[in-house]
Amino acid sequence: MQSKEISRNDARNFGEIWKSLTEEEREKLTLDIYNAKCCKTRQTIWKWANGISKPSSPIIRDAVAKVVGKTVGSRVFASTLFPR
């Protein structure tokens, strides 16, 4: 039987989501991003959170959006997570 759970969309960017997380949630998100092979260093995630850089590859942006979505419990799109 399928779940009829309503999934809401989160329109915040990566920095806004990062700032809303507790230290423990940030650590878990960092580990999940590493495990998804989206980046190699903590500094990369810090740069994403502060708007200094963003993933250049659309595949990586989509993978990060999927990981972040699982962490925040809502649907996250790469285009809103890392706007141009």
N, C-alpha and C. Protein backbone atom coordinates (compact mmCIF):
# COMPACT_ATOMS: atom_id res chain seq x y z
N MET A 1 0.84 -1.18 0.00
CA MET A 1 0.00 0.00 0.00
C MET A 1 0.89 1.25 0.00
N GLN A 2 0.57 2.18 -0.85
CA GLN A 2 1.36 3.40 -0.94
C GLN A 2 1.01 4.38 0.17
N SER A 3 2.00 5.12 0.57
CA SER A 3 1.80 6.17 1.55
C SER A 3 1.27 7.41 0.84
N LYS A 4 0.26 8.02 1.38
CA LYS A 4 -0.30 9.24 0.80
C LYS A 4 0.19 10.48 1.55
N GLU A 5 1.40 10.38 2.04
CA GLU A 5 1.99 11.47 2.80
C GLU A 5 2.19 12.69 1.92
N ILE A 6 1.82 13.84 2.43
CA ILE A 6 1.99 15.09 1.69
C ILE A 6 3.43 15.55 1.88
N SER A 7 4.12 15.73 0.78
CA SER A 7 5.50 16.17 0.85
C SER A 7 5.52 17.66 0.54
N ARG A 8 6.07 18.42 1.43
CA ARG A 8 6.13 19.86 1.19
C ARG A 8 7.49 20.23 0.59
N ASN A 9 7.51 21.30 -0.13
CA ASN A 9 8.74 21.77 -0.76
C ASN A 9 9.40 22.81 0.12
N ASP A 10 10.71 22.78 0.18
CA ASP A 10 11.49 23.75 0.94
C ASP A 10 12.19 24.65 -0.06
N ALA A 11 11.89 25.94 -0.04
CA ALA A 11 12.43 26.87 -1.03
C ALA A 11 13.63 27.67 -0.51
N ARG A 12 14.21 27.22 0.59
CA ARG A 12 15.38 27.93 1.12
C ARG A 12 16.65 27.50 0.38
N ASN A 13 17.66 28.37 0.40
CA ASN A 13 18.93 27.99 -0.20
C ASN A 13 19.78 27.23 0.83
N PHE A 14 20.92 26.73 0.40
CA PHE A 14 21.75 25.90 1.27
C PHE A 14 22.17 26.65 2.53
N GLY A 15 22.56 27.90 2.39
CA GLY A 15 22.99 28.69 3.54
C GLY A 15 21.89 28.88 4.58
N GLU A 16 20.68 29.13 4.12
CA GLU A 16 19.55 29.32 5.03
C GLU A 16 19.22 28.02 5.77
N ILE A 17 19.26 26.92 5.04
CA ILE A 17 19.00 25.63 5.68
C ILE A 17 20.10 25.31 6.68
N TRP A 18 21.35 25.53 6.29
CA TRP A 18 22.50 25.25 7.16
C TRP A 18 22.39 26.03 8.47
N LYS A 19 22.04 27.30 8.38
CA LYS A 19 21.94 28.14 9.58
C LYS A 19 20.80 27.72 10.50
N SER A 20 19.79 27.06 9.94
CA SER A 20 18.65 26.64 10.75
C SER A 20 18.90 25.33 11.49
N LEU A 21 19.97 24.63 11.14
CA LEU A 21 20.25 23.34 11.75
C LEU A 21 21.03 23.48 13.05
N THR A 22 20.84 22.52 13.94
CA THR A 22 21.65 22.48 15.17
C THR A 22 23.03 21.93 14.81
N GLU A 23 23.96 22.04 15.73
CA GLU A 23 25.31 21.54 15.50
C GLU A 23 25.30 20.04 15.19
N GLU A 24 24.49 19.30 15.91
CA GLU A 24 24.38 17.86 15.70
C GLU A 24 23.82 17.54 14.30
N GLU A 25 22.80 18.29 13.89
CA GLU A 25 22.22 18.09 12.56
C GLU A 25 23.21 18.45 11.46
N ARG A 26 24.02 19.48 11.71
CA ARG A 26 25.04 19.86 10.73
C ARG A 26 26.08 18.75 10.57
N GLU A 27 26.48 18.16 11.69
CA GLU A 27 27.45 17.06 11.64
C GLU A 27 26.89 15.88 10.85
N LYS A 28 25.62 15.56 11.09
CA LYS A 28 24.99 14.45 10.38
C LYS A 28 24.88 14.77 8.89
N LEU A 29 24.48 15.99 8.56
CA LEU A 29 24.36 16.39 7.16
C LEU A 29 25.73 16.33 6.48
N THR A 30 26.76 16.80 7.15
CA THR A 30 28.12 16.75 6.61
C THR A 30 28.52 15.32 6.30
N LEU A 31 28.28 14.42 7.24
CA LEU A 31 28.60 13.01 7.04
C LEU A 31 27.80 12.42 5.87
N ASP A 32 26.53 12.76 5.79
CA ASP A 32 25.69 12.26 4.70
C ASP A 32 26.17 12.78 3.34
N ILE A 33 26.60 14.03 3.29
CA ILE A 33 27.13 14.59 2.05
C ILE A 33 28.42 13.89 1.65
N TYR A 34 29.30 13.61 2.64
CA TYR A 34 30.52 12.86 2.36
C TYR A 34 30.19 11.47 1.82
N ASN A 35 29.27 10.79 2.48
CA ASN A 35 28.91 9.42 2.09
C ASN A 35 28.30 9.36 0.70
N ALA A 36 27.64 10.45 0.29
CA ALA A 36 27.07 10.52 -1.05
C ALA A 36 28.12 10.93 -2.09
N LYS A 37 29.35 11.15 -1.61
CA LYS A 37 30.49 11.52 -2.46
C LYS A 37 30.25 12.82 -3.22
N CYS A 38 29.66 13.78 -2.52
CA CYS A 38 29.38 15.08 -3.13
C CYS A 38 30.51 16.08 -2.94
N CYS A 39 31.36 15.84 -1.96
CA CYS A 39 32.51 16.71 -1.73
C CYS A 39 33.55 15.95 -0.92
N LYS A 40 34.72 16.57 -0.75
CA LYS A 40 35.81 15.89 -0.05
C LYS A 40 36.23 16.56 1.25
N THR A 41 35.86 17.83 1.43
CA THR A 41 36.30 18.54 2.63
C THR A 41 35.16 19.28 3.32
N ARG A 42 35.37 19.53 4.60
CA ARG A 42 34.43 20.32 5.39
C ARG A 42 34.39 21.76 4.88
N GLN A 43 35.53 22.23 4.42
CA GLN A 43 35.63 23.60 3.94
C GLN A 43 34.69 23.83 2.75
N THR A 44 34.54 22.83 1.91
CA THR A 44 33.64 22.94 0.76
C THR A 44 32.22 23.20 1.23
N ILE A 45 31.78 22.45 2.23
CA ILE A 45 30.42 22.63 2.76
C ILE A 45 30.30 24.00 3.41
N TRP A 46 31.33 24.45 4.10
CA TRP A 46 31.32 25.78 4.72
C TRP A 46 31.18 26.86 3.63
N LYS A 47 31.88 26.67 2.51
CA LYS A 47 31.79 27.64 1.41
C LYS A 47 30.39 27.65 0.80
N TRP A 48 29.77 26.47 0.67
CA TRP A 48 28.40 26.41 0.17
C TRP A 48 27.47 27.16 1.12
N ALA A 49 27.65 26.94 2.42
CA ALA A 49 26.77 27.55 3.43
C ALA A 49 26.90 29.06 3.47
N ASN A 50 28.08 29.58 3.14
CA ASN A 50 28.31 31.02 3.19
C ASN A 50 28.22 31.69 1.82
N GLY A 51 27.79 30.95 0.82
CA GLY A 51 27.58 31.53 -0.50
C GLY A 51 28.85 31.85 -1.27
N ILE A 52 29.97 31.31 -0.84
CA ILE A 52 31.24 31.59 -1.50
C ILE A 52 31.38 30.77 -2.79
N SER A 53 30.88 29.55 -2.74
CA SER A 53 30.91 28.69 -3.93
C SER A 53 29.69 27.79 -3.93
N LYS A 54 29.54 27.04 -5.00
CA LYS A 54 28.47 26.05 -5.10
C LYS A 54 28.97 24.93 -5.99
N PRO A 55 28.36 23.78 -5.93
CA PRO A 55 28.80 22.68 -6.79
C PRO A 55 28.64 23.07 -8.26
N SER A 56 29.67 22.80 -9.05
CA SER A 56 29.61 23.18 -10.46
C SER A 56 28.83 22.18 -11.30
N SER A 57 28.80 20.94 -10.89
CA SER A 57 28.14 19.90 -11.66
C SER A 57 26.66 19.77 -11.27
N PRO A 58 25.77 19.73 -12.26
CA PRO A 58 24.34 19.54 -11.96
C PRO A 58 24.06 18.22 -11.23
N ILE A 59 24.83 17.20 -11.53
CA ILE A 59 24.65 15.90 -10.87
C ILE A 59 24.95 16.02 -9.38
N ILE A 60 26.01 16.73 -9.04
CA ILE A 60 26.37 16.92 -7.63
C ILE A 60 25.31 17.78 -6.94
N ARG A 61 24.85 18.84 -7.59
CA ARG A 61 23.81 19.69 -6.99
C ARG A 61 22.55 18.87 -6.70
N ASP A 62 22.16 18.01 -7.64
CA ASP A 62 20.99 17.15 -7.43
C ASP A 62 21.20 16.18 -6.28
N ALA A 63 22.41 15.62 -6.18
CA ALA A 63 22.71 14.68 -5.09
C ALA A 63 22.68 15.38 -3.74
N VAL A 64 23.23 16.59 -3.68
CA VAL A 64 23.21 17.36 -2.43
C VAL A 64 21.76 17.69 -2.06
N ALA A 65 20.95 18.06 -3.04
CA ALA A 65 19.54 18.38 -2.78
C ALA A 65 18.81 17.17 -2.20
N LYS A 66 19.11 16.00 -2.71
CA LYS A 66 18.48 14.77 -2.21
C LYS A 66 18.88 14.51 -0.75
N VAL A 67 20.16 14.68 -0.45
CA VAL A 67 20.66 14.47 0.93
C VAL A 67 20.06 15.49 1.88
N VAL A 68 20.05 16.75 1.47
CA VAL A 68 19.49 17.82 2.31
C VAL A 68 18.00 17.59 2.53
N GLY A 69 17.31 17.17 1.50
CA GLY A 69 15.88 16.89 1.62
C GLY A 69 15.59 15.83 2.66
N LYS A 70 16.40 14.79 2.70
CA LYS A 70 16.23 13.74 3.71
C LYS A 70 16.48 14.30 5.11
N THR A 71 17.45 15.18 5.22
CA THR A 71 17.79 15.76 6.52
C THR A 71 16.68 16.66 7.05
N VAL A 72 16.13 17.51 6.19
CA VAL A 72 15.10 18.46 6.66
C VAL A 72 13.70 17.89 6.59
N GLY A 73 13.55 16.75 5.94
CA GLY A 73 12.25 16.10 5.88
C GLY A 73 11.27 16.73 4.91
N SER A 74 11.78 17.37 3.87
CA SER A 74 10.92 17.94 2.85
C SER A 74 11.63 17.87 1.50
N ARG A 75 10.91 18.17 0.46
CA ARG A 75 11.47 18.11 -0.87
C ARG A 75 12.29 19.36 -1.15
N VAL A 76 13.52 19.16 -1.60
CA VAL A 76 14.43 20.27 -1.88
C VAL A 76 14.89 20.15 -3.33
N PHE A 77 14.90 21.27 -4.03
CA PHE A 77 15.32 21.28 -5.42
C PHE A 77 16.70 21.94 -5.53
N ALA A 78 17.54 21.39 -6.41
CA ALA A 78 18.89 21.90 -6.59
C ALA A 78 18.87 23.37 -7.04
N SER A 79 17.89 23.73 -7.84
CA SER A 79 17.83 25.11 -8.36
C SER A 79 17.54 26.14 -7.26
N THR A 80 16.82 25.75 -6.22
CA THR A 80 16.58 26.68 -5.12
C THR A 80 17.67 26.55 -4.06
N LEU A 81 18.26 25.38 -3.95
CA LEU A 81 19.33 25.17 -2.97
C LEU A 81 20.57 25.96 -3.36
N PHE A 82 20.88 25.96 -4.64
CA PHE A 82 22.04 26.69 -5.16
C PHE A 82 21.60 27.59 -6.32
N PRO A 83 20.98 28.74 -6.01
CA PRO A 83 20.51 29.63 -7.09
C PRO A 83 21.67 30.25 -7.85
N ARG A 84 21.39 30.66 -9.07
CA ARG A 84 22.45 31.27 -9.90
C ARG A 84 22.75 32.67 -9.46
